[in-house]
Amino acid sequence: MEERRGKIVSLLLVLWVCLFHISCAQKGKPESETDWIIKKSLTDLVYVKGGTFMLGDVGYTDSLGVHRLFANHGSALPVHKVTLDSYSIGKLEVTFKEFDLFCKLTGRDLVGDNREGRYSIFFRPELSATFMTWDEAMAYCAWLGKLTGLSFNLATNAQWEYAARSRGLAVKYGTDNGLMEKGRNYKSDYYETSADNPPPGSYPPNPLGLYDMSGINPEWVRDGYMEYYKIPEVNPLNDFQYSIVTIRGFSLNVYSRGSRANYRTGAGAGIRFVVNSPTPIDVESVLDSLGLSMPSSKDLEKYMPKNWVAPGKYPL
């Protein structure tokens, strides 16, 4: 009996060693394109603690005691109270490198491939991806969800504004200080006067740690366009039945909304994804479940924007 038990223990030990080496070999294998985009997307996530805020143009009081609006845009009114659950959001817009890889791996045509100049300055791999339809943006998020097992989606309109305003701060711009300072925290005169755009992450983030929330590129959000007085107070989402979708970020201020047909490719809108989870995403655990290792500090450099700020510098 003892001899038999010893053999069983020995076999189990051999099996465990084999599995350990297989796991290590998998984690040590060269990074595939799919591995890269999983790691890039997960390390982009910034946790946003939910809460209650006033959605819409809250305005400010000037030196004379007069209340004024930041945007004076009808789409940002009336102001109303909204409560959101916690979620995580991408600190950067999705780049052409990422979206082109999605198209390649899912057998889709590259966005803009039927347009003259697909390989012009507008489509450089390091730039924010644009020109996809709303449906294609949603498909990209669903694809990330399948790769990771997480609930990736486009941000709702309320999630987008809450994050752009660093959990509802009364600021005009989604910059590091709420002001617009050309060349330091916003596009320089060169970009203002040319057709070119800076890569995402070229300027400092807002206090929450998100980049380019004001005026670099518009972004698709999940909602259909609806007047503010009609929307619910808790986790509002206009799961629309029509073809008109909301876009955010097309204006410098963080309040104005725009609308586009969901089939339009020329809207110039891009992608900033969210993961709807009440707790921060444990990136290491997710990667481990997929047989992937955490990126090294050197690997992380290729995922980080030029003006990356370490998490926790802005405790909100």
Protein backbone atom coordinates (compact mmCIF):
# COMPACT_ATOMS: atom_id res chain seq x y z
CA MET A 1 0.00 0.00 0.00
CA GLU A 2 2.77 2.40 0.94
CA GLU A 3 4.63 1.57 -2.29
CA ARG A 4 1.50 2.23 -4.36
CA ARG A 5 0.87 5.50 -2.57
CA GLY A 6 4.46 6.56 -3.21
CA LYS A 7 4.08 5.86 -6.94
CA ILE A 8 0.89 7.95 -7.09
CA VAL A 9 2.60 10.85 -5.32
CA SER A 10 5.56 10.57 -7.71
CA LEU A 11 3.25 10.60 -10.75
CA LEU A 12 1.38 13.62 -9.45
CA LEU A 13 4.67 15.40 -8.83
CA VAL A 14 5.84 14.65 -12.38
CA LEU A 15 2.50 15.88 -13.76
CA TRP A 16 2.73 19.10 -11.76
CA VAL A 17 6.29 19.73 -13.00
CA CYS A 18 5.22 19.14 -16.60
CA LEU A 19 2.28 21.54 -16.30
CA PHE A 20 4.51 24.13 -14.65
CA HIS A 21 7.03 23.96 -17.49
CA ILE A 22 4.29 24.12 -20.12
CA SER A 23 2.88 27.21 -18.42
CA CYS A 24 6.30 28.83 -18.26
CA ALA A 25 6.95 27.98 -21.90
CA GLN A 26 3.66 29.56 -22.92
CA LYS A 27 4.41 32.70 -20.97
CA GLY A 28 7.91 32.86 -22.35
CA LYS A 29 6.89 32.45 -25.99
CA PRO A 30 7.27 35.38 -28.41
CA GLU A 31 4.44 37.87 -28.13
CA SER A 32 1.85 37.43 -30.88
CA GLU A 33 -0.18 40.26 -32.38
CA THR A 34 -3.19 39.11 -30.35
CA ASP A 35 -1.13 38.99 -27.14
CA TRP A 36 0.11 42.51 -27.83
CA ILE A 37 -3.34 44.02 -28.27
CA ILE A 38 -4.68 42.24 -25.17
CA LYS A 39 -1.83 43.60 -23.02
CA LYS A 40 -2.05 47.07 -24.57
CA SER A 41 -5.81 47.31 -24.01
CA LEU A 42 -5.70 46.05 -20.43
CA THR A 43 -2.82 48.31 -19.40
CA ASP A 44 -4.71 51.27 -20.89
CA LEU A 45 -7.57 50.93 -18.42
CA VAL A 46 -8.08 53.58 -15.73
CA TYR A 47 -10.53 52.89 -12.90
CA VAL A 48 -13.31 55.45 -12.44
CA LYS A 49 -15.12 55.28 -9.11
CA GLY A 50 -18.83 55.84 -9.62
CA GLY A 51 -20.80 58.63 -8.02
CA THR A 52 -23.41 61.34 -8.50
CA PHE A 53 -22.76 64.49 -10.53
CA MET A 54 -24.54 67.14 -12.56
CA LEU A 55 -24.48 66.16 -16.23
CA GLY A 56 -24.44 69.07 -18.65
CA ASP A 57 -23.03 72.58 -18.70
CA VAL A 58 -22.83 73.45 -15.01
CA GLY A 59 -21.12 76.77 -15.81
CA TYR A 60 -19.29 79.05 -13.42
CA THR A 61 -19.71 82.30 -11.51
CA ASP A 62 -17.68 85.22 -12.88
CA SER A 63 -15.97 87.99 -10.92
CA LEU A 64 -19.20 90.00 -10.93
CA GLY A 65 -21.17 87.17 -9.40
CA VAL A 66 -22.96 86.38 -12.66
CA HIS A 67 -23.51 82.73 -13.54
CA ARG A 68 -22.23 81.93 -17.02
CA LEU A 69 -22.09 78.79 -19.13
CA PHE A 70 -18.85 77.16 -20.23
CA ALA A 71 -20.11 76.12 -23.64
CA ASN A 72 -23.43 77.92 -24.22
CA HIS A 73 -24.46 75.00 -26.41
CA GLY A 74 -28.02 73.72 -26.44
CA SER A 75 -26.92 70.08 -26.53
CA ALA A 76 -25.48 70.45 -23.00
CA LEU A 77 -28.74 71.60 -21.40
CA PRO A 78 -30.71 71.24 -19.23
CA VAL A 79 -28.29 70.27 -16.44
CA HIS A 80 -29.52 67.34 -14.38
CA LYS A 81 -28.36 64.93 -11.68
CA VAL A 82 -26.96 61.58 -12.79
CA THR A 83 -25.64 58.63 -10.76
CA LEU A 84 -23.17 56.19 -12.30
CA ASP A 85 -21.80 52.84 -11.22
CA SER A 86 -18.01 52.40 -11.24
CA TYR A 87 -16.22 51.40 -14.44
CA SER A 88 -12.82 51.47 -16.12
CA ILE A 89 -12.04 53.51 -19.24
CA GLY A 90 -9.22 53.61 -21.76
CA LYS A 91 -6.77 56.39 -21.01
CA LEU A 92 -6.01 56.67 -24.75
CA GLU A 93 -7.98 56.59 -27.96
CA VAL A 94 -7.54 53.42 -30.00
CA THR A 95 -4.85 53.89 -32.66
CA PHE A 96 -4.79 52.84 -36.30
CA LYS A 97 -2.22 50.19 -35.35
CA GLU A 98 -4.77 48.61 -33.02
CA PHE A 99 -7.80 49.00 -35.26
CA ASP A 100 -5.97 47.85 -38.40
CA LEU A 101 -4.88 44.75 -36.48
CA PHE A 102 -8.52 44.10 -35.55
CA CYS A 103 -9.48 44.40 -39.22
CA LYS A 104 -6.67 42.06 -40.27
CA LEU A 105 -7.42 39.37 -37.67
CA THR A 106 -11.20 39.43 -38.32
CA GLY A 107 -11.01 39.58 -42.11
CA ARG A 108 -12.33 43.12 -42.50
CA ASP A 109 -11.30 45.80 -44.96
CA LEU A 110 -9.14 48.52 -43.48
CA VAL A 111 -11.10 51.67 -42.73
CA GLY A 112 -10.59 54.21 -45.46
CA ASP A 113 -9.23 51.55 -47.83
CA ASN A 114 -11.66 52.65 -50.51
CA ARG A 115 -10.64 56.28 -50.11
CA GLU A 116 -7.92 58.09 -51.95
CA GLY A 117 -4.98 58.63 -49.62
CA ARG A 118 -5.51 55.67 -47.23
CA TYR A 119 -1.75 55.67 -46.71
CA SER A 120 -1.44 59.42 -46.25
CA ILE A 121 -0.58 61.23 -43.02
CA PHE A 122 -4.15 60.69 -41.78
CA PHE A 123 -3.68 56.94 -41.39
CA ARG A 124 -0.30 56.61 -39.70
CA PRO A 125 -0.32 53.65 -37.26
CA GLU A 126 0.48 55.82 -34.22
CA LEU A 127 -2.48 58.16 -34.76
CA SER A 128 -5.96 57.82 -33.25
CA ALA A 129 -8.08 55.61 -35.50
CA THR A 130 -11.03 57.36 -37.15
CA PHE A 131 -13.38 56.88 -40.12
CA MET A 132 -14.93 53.67 -38.81
CA THR A 133 -18.71 53.45 -38.45
CA TRP A 134 -20.40 53.21 -35.06
CA ASP A 135 -21.15 49.55 -35.74
CA GLU A 136 -17.47 48.90 -36.46
CA ALA A 137 -16.50 50.67 -33.23
CA MET A 138 -18.93 48.46 -31.31
CA ALA A 139 -17.56 45.37 -33.09
CA TYR A 140 -14.04 46.31 -32.01
CA CYS A 141 -15.13 46.47 -28.37
CA ALA A 142 -16.99 43.15 -28.67
CA TRP A 143 -13.84 41.59 -30.15
CA LEU A 144 -11.74 42.80 -27.20
CA GLY A 145 -14.38 41.29 -24.93
CA LYS A 146 -14.00 37.90 -26.59
CA LEU A 147 -10.22 38.06 -26.34
CA THR A 148 -10.18 38.98 -22.65
CA GLY A 149 -13.46 37.71 -21.21
CA LEU A 150 -14.27 41.24 -20.00
CA SER A 151 -17.29 43.43 -20.80
CA PHE A 152 -15.63 45.91 -23.18
CA ASN A 153 -17.95 48.47 -24.72
CA LEU A 154 -18.09 52.06 -25.86
CA ALA A 155 -18.56 54.58 -23.06
CA THR A 156 -22.06 55.90 -22.57
CA ASN A 157 -22.54 59.63 -22.98
CA ALA A 158 -22.72 60.10 -19.21
CA GLN A 159 -19.64 57.90 -18.59
CA TRP A 160 -17.67 59.89 -21.16
CA GLU A 161 -18.48 63.28 -19.60
CA TYR A 162 -17.99 62.08 -16.02
CA ALA A 163 -14.50 60.83 -16.94
CA ALA A 164 -13.60 63.84 -19.10
CA ARG A 165 -14.46 66.08 -16.14
CA SER A 166 -12.44 63.84 -13.77
CA ARG A 167 -15.51 62.57 -11.91
CA GLY A 168 -17.66 65.62 -12.50
CA LEU A 169 -15.40 68.60 -11.82
CA ALA A 170 -16.75 71.98 -12.98
CA VAL A 171 -14.12 72.64 -15.65
CA LYS A 172 -14.39 73.80 -19.25
CA TYR A 173 -11.66 71.61 -20.75
CA GLY A 174 -10.57 68.03 -20.09
CA THR A 175 -6.93 69.00 -19.63
CA ASP A 176 -4.56 68.70 -16.67
CA ASN A 177 -5.63 72.06 -15.22
CA GLY A 178 -9.00 72.70 -16.88
CA LEU A 179 -7.43 75.41 -19.08
CA MET A 180 -6.31 75.38 -22.70
CA GLU A 181 -2.62 76.20 -23.17
CA LYS A 182 -1.49 75.68 -26.75
CA GLY A 183 1.68 73.69 -27.15
CA ARG A 184 1.74 72.56 -23.52
CA ASN A 185 -1.53 70.74 -22.84
CA TYR A 186 -3.15 71.10 -26.26
CA LYS A 187 -2.21 71.13 -29.94
CA SER A 188 0.42 73.69 -30.93
CA ASP A 189 -0.03 76.20 -33.73
CA TYR A 190 1.62 73.72 -36.12
CA TYR A 191 -1.18 71.20 -35.64
CA GLU A 192 -3.80 73.94 -35.61
CA THR A 193 -2.73 75.17 -39.03
CA SER A 194 -2.03 71.80 -40.72
CA ALA A 195 -4.06 68.72 -41.58
CA ASP A 196 -1.83 66.64 -39.31
CA ASN A 197 -2.74 65.52 -35.79
CA PRO A 198 -0.47 64.62 -32.84
CA PRO A 199 -0.43 60.99 -31.68
CA PRO A 200 -2.62 60.22 -28.65
CA GLY A 201 -0.90 60.93 -25.35
CA SER A 202 1.21 63.81 -26.71
CA TYR A 203 0.02 66.17 -23.97
CA PRO A 204 -0.54 65.79 -20.21
CA PRO A 205 -3.65 63.90 -19.04
CA ASN A 206 -6.57 65.23 -17.06
CA PRO A 207 -6.48 64.71 -13.26
CA LEU A 208 -8.08 61.28 -13.64
CA GLY A 209 -5.24 60.18 -15.93
CA LEU A 210 -7.04 60.33 -19.31
CA TYR A 211 -5.48 61.83 -22.42
CA ASP A 212 -6.92 63.95 -25.22
CA MET A 213 -10.41 64.49 -23.81
CA SER A 214 -10.64 67.94 -25.40
CA GLY A 215 -10.55 68.61 -29.09
CA ILE A 216 -8.05 66.14 -30.57
CA ASN A 217 -10.60 63.75 -32.14
CA PRO A 218 -14.32 63.18 -31.69
CA GLU A 219 -15.27 59.80 -30.24
CA TRP A 220 -18.26 57.54 -30.73
CA VAL A 221 -20.25 56.82 -27.57
CA ARG A 222 -22.80 54.10 -27.02
CA ASP A 223 -25.95 56.24 -26.81
CA GLY A 224 -28.37 57.30 -29.45
CA TYR A 225 -28.85 61.07 -29.41
CA MET A 226 -31.59 62.19 -27.02
CA GLU A 227 -32.49 65.47 -25.36
CA TYR A 228 -31.26 65.66 -21.78
CA TYR A 229 -34.65 66.28 -20.21
CA LYS A 230 -35.75 62.80 -21.33
CA ILE A 231 -32.96 60.67 -19.88
CA PRO A 232 -33.13 58.70 -16.59
CA GLU A 233 -31.07 59.60 -13.54
CA VAL A 234 -29.29 56.29 -12.80
CA ASN A 235 -26.82 54.87 -15.35
CA PRO A 236 -28.55 56.62 -18.26
CA LEU A 237 -28.28 54.92 -21.64
CA ASN A 238 -30.37 55.66 -24.71
CA ASP A 239 -30.26 52.21 -26.27
CA PHE A 240 -31.57 53.74 -29.44
CA GLN A 241 -33.82 52.26 -32.10
CA TYR A 242 -32.88 54.86 -34.66
CA SER A 243 -29.70 55.58 -36.59
CA ILE A 244 -28.55 58.83 -34.94
CA VAL A 245 -25.72 58.32 -32.46
CA THR A 246 -24.00 60.69 -30.03
CA ILE A 247 -20.38 61.73 -30.47
CA ARG A 248 -18.27 63.47 -27.84
CA GLY A 249 -14.96 65.32 -27.91
CA PHE A 250 -15.61 67.08 -31.22
CA SER A 251 -15.51 70.42 -29.40
CA LEU A 252 -12.79 71.76 -27.12
CA ASN A 253 -15.15 72.00 -24.16
CA VAL A 254 -16.30 68.82 -22.39
CA TYR A 255 -20.03 69.61 -22.51
CA SER A 256 -21.10 69.98 -26.15
CA ARG A 257 -22.52 66.91 -27.86
CA GLY A 258 -22.73 66.11 -31.54
CA SER A 259 -24.72 63.53 -33.49
CA ARG A 260 -23.93 61.36 -36.50
CA ALA A 261 -25.64 58.59 -38.42
CA ASN A 262 -24.30 55.28 -37.15
CA TYR A 263 -23.39 54.16 -40.68
CA ARG A 264 -21.28 57.22 -41.47
CA THR A 265 -17.58 56.59 -42.04
CA GLY A 266 -16.65 60.20 -42.74
CA ALA A 267 -17.60 61.49 -39.31
CA GLY A 268 -13.98 61.38 -38.19
CA ALA A 269 -15.03 59.75 -34.91
CA GLY A 270 -12.82 57.30 -33.03
CA ILE A 271 -12.91 54.85 -30.12
CA ARG A 272 -12.33 55.07 -26.37
CA PHE A 273 -13.53 51.87 -24.70
CA VAL A 274 -14.79 51.09 -21.22
CA VAL A 275 -15.08 47.94 -19.14
CA ASN A 276 -18.16 47.93 -16.96
CA SER A 277 -16.98 46.46 -13.67
CA PRO A 278 -17.66 47.73 -10.12
CA THR A 279 -14.05 47.05 -9.08
CA PRO A 280 -10.68 47.82 -10.71
CA ILE A 281 -9.57 45.27 -13.29
CA ASP A 282 -6.88 42.95 -11.92
CA VAL A 283 -4.77 42.97 -15.06
CA GLU A 284 -2.26 40.40 -13.79
CA SER A 285 -5.03 37.91 -12.94
CA VAL A 286 -6.75 38.38 -16.31
CA LEU A 287 -3.48 37.87 -18.18
CA ASP A 288 -2.64 34.83 -16.05
CA SER A 289 -6.03 33.27 -16.89
CA LEU A 290 -5.15 33.71 -20.57
CA GLY A 291 -1.71 32.13 -20.14
CA LEU A 292 0.02 35.50 -20.56
CA SER A 293 2.51 37.24 -18.32
CA MET A 294 2.48 40.84 -17.17
CA PRO A 295 4.50 43.13 -19.45
CA SER A 296 7.92 43.99 -18.09
CA SER A 297 8.73 47.61 -17.28
CA LYS A 298 10.59 47.77 -20.60
CA ASP A 299 7.64 46.28 -22.48
CA LEU A 300 5.30 48.76 -20.82
CA GLU A 301 7.20 51.64 -22.40
CA LYS A 302 5.80 50.74 -25.81
CA TYR A 303 2.26 50.90 -24.41
CA MET A 304 2.71 54.21 -22.63
CA PRO A 305 2.06 57.64 -24.18
CA LYS A 306 4.69 60.33 -24.34
CA ASN A 307 3.30 62.17 -21.29
CA TRP A 308 2.41 59.11 -19.21
CA VAL A 309 1.66 59.86 -15.56
CA ALA A 310 1.99 57.09 -13.01
CA PRO A 311 -1.34 55.93 -11.51
CA GLY A 312 -2.05 57.53 -8.15
CA LYS A 313 -0.48 60.89 -8.88
CA TYR A 314 -3.94 62.39 -9.06
CA PRO A 315 -5.92 60.69 -6.26
CA LEU A 316 -9.58 61.40 -6.99
